[in-house]
Amino acid sequence: MNRYYAAIAGRANHRCEYCQAPELIFNFPFEVEHIIPLSRQGENDEANLALACRSCNLRKGTRISGIVPASNTEVSFFHPRQDK
């Protein structure tokens, strides 16, 4: 288990910080993931860590933005510490 799990899960109230799914309905703990991946110069500290369900974590991967097909513009992904 990730050494930050207890702190991050408690701060997130044991919910995925992206889709808000409650950890309780899954049969295993959610993952502690980097909001800005280390490969993108993200930090390995609690401010850059989020609790994520497996689906959200796999969908995001190492990306931090995506292209909106209708407008062909790049937008940043949801950031659980900055966006509502």
Protein backbone atom coordinates (compact mmCIF):
# COMPACT_ATOMS: atom_id res chain seq x y z
CA MET A 1 0.00 0.00 0.00
CA ASN A 2 1.16 3.52 -0.76
CA ARG A 3 2.70 5.20 2.30
CA TYR A 4 0.53 8.27 1.69
CA TYR A 5 -2.70 6.29 1.45
CA ALA A 6 -4.08 7.05 4.94
CA ALA A 7 -3.53 10.80 4.66
CA ILE A 8 -4.79 11.10 1.08
CA ALA A 9 -7.81 8.82 1.60
CA GLY A 10 -8.78 10.69 4.76
CA ARG A 11 -8.50 14.06 3.04
CA ALA A 12 -10.64 12.76 0.15
CA ASN A 13 -13.20 11.26 2.55
CA HIS A 14 -12.51 7.89 0.86
CA ARG A 15 -13.97 9.07 -2.46
CA CYS A 16 -12.37 9.22 -5.88
CA GLU A 17 -11.31 12.84 -6.26
CA TYR A 18 -12.21 12.77 -9.96
CA CYS A 19 -15.60 11.03 -10.23
CA GLN A 20 -16.54 11.14 -6.51
CA ALA A 21 -17.30 7.39 -6.37
CA PRO A 22 -17.19 6.14 -2.76
CA GLU A 23 -14.37 3.71 -2.04
CA LEU A 24 -16.75 1.69 0.13
CA ILE A 25 -18.59 0.21 -2.89
CA PHE A 26 -15.39 -1.29 -4.32
CA ASN A 27 -13.76 -4.42 -3.00
CA PHE A 28 -10.29 -2.86 -2.69
CA PRO A 29 -8.71 0.47 -1.73
CA PHE A 30 -8.47 3.25 -4.31
CA GLU A 31 -5.11 4.28 -5.70
CA VAL A 32 -3.00 7.25 -4.70
CA GLU A 33 -2.03 8.92 -7.96
CA HIS A 34 -0.06 11.97 -9.05
CA ILE A 35 -2.27 14.80 -10.31
CA ILE A 36 0.66 16.05 -12.38
CA PRO A 37 2.65 12.91 -13.19
CA LEU A 38 6.29 12.67 -12.16
CA SER A 39 7.09 12.23 -15.86
CA ARG A 40 5.62 15.73 -16.41
CA GLN A 41 7.70 17.30 -13.61
CA GLY A 42 5.03 16.75 -10.96
CA GLU A 43 6.12 16.59 -7.34
CA ASN A 44 6.00 13.56 -5.06
CA ASP A 45 4.28 15.38 -2.20
CA GLU A 46 0.79 15.31 -0.71
CA ALA A 47 -0.33 18.46 -2.56
CA ASN A 48 0.17 16.62 -5.87
CA LEU A 49 -1.44 13.35 -4.79
CA ALA A 50 -5.08 12.39 -5.22
CA LEU A 51 -7.22 9.37 -4.37
CA ALA A 52 -8.46 7.84 -7.62
CA CYS A 53 -10.58 4.85 -8.51
CA ARG A 54 -8.94 2.44 -10.93
CA SER A 55 -11.09 3.60 -13.85
CA CYS A 56 -10.23 7.30 -13.45
CA ASN A 57 -6.56 6.57 -12.83
CA LEU A 58 -6.25 4.38 -15.95
CA ARG A 59 -8.19 6.85 -18.10
CA LYS A 60 -5.97 9.76 -17.08
CA GLY A 61 -2.66 7.90 -17.23
CA THR A 62 0.28 10.27 -17.64
CA ARG A 63 -1.72 12.89 -19.52
CA ILE A 64 -2.58 16.31 -18.08
CA SER A 65 -4.70 17.64 -20.96
CA GLY A 66 -6.86 16.54 -23.88
CA ILE A 67 -8.26 17.84 -27.16
CA VAL A 68 -11.92 18.90 -27.43
CA PRO A 69 -12.95 17.40 -30.80
CA ALA A 70 -15.65 19.99 -31.58
CA SER A 71 -13.25 22.94 -31.30
CA ASN A 72 -9.89 21.18 -31.73
CA THR A 73 -8.61 23.03 -28.66
CA GLU A 74 -6.48 21.67 -25.87
CA VAL A 75 -7.88 21.82 -22.33
CA SER A 76 -6.37 20.83 -19.01
CA PHE A 77 -7.83 17.84 -17.19
CA PHE A 78 -9.78 18.33 -13.96
CA HIS A 79 -7.46 19.19 -11.09
CA PRO A 80 -9.06 18.15 -7.77
CA ARG A 81 -7.14 20.80 -5.76
CA GLN A 82 -7.95 23.72 -8.08
CA ASP A 83 -11.17 22.95 -10.02
CA LYS A 84 -14.74 22.50 -8.84
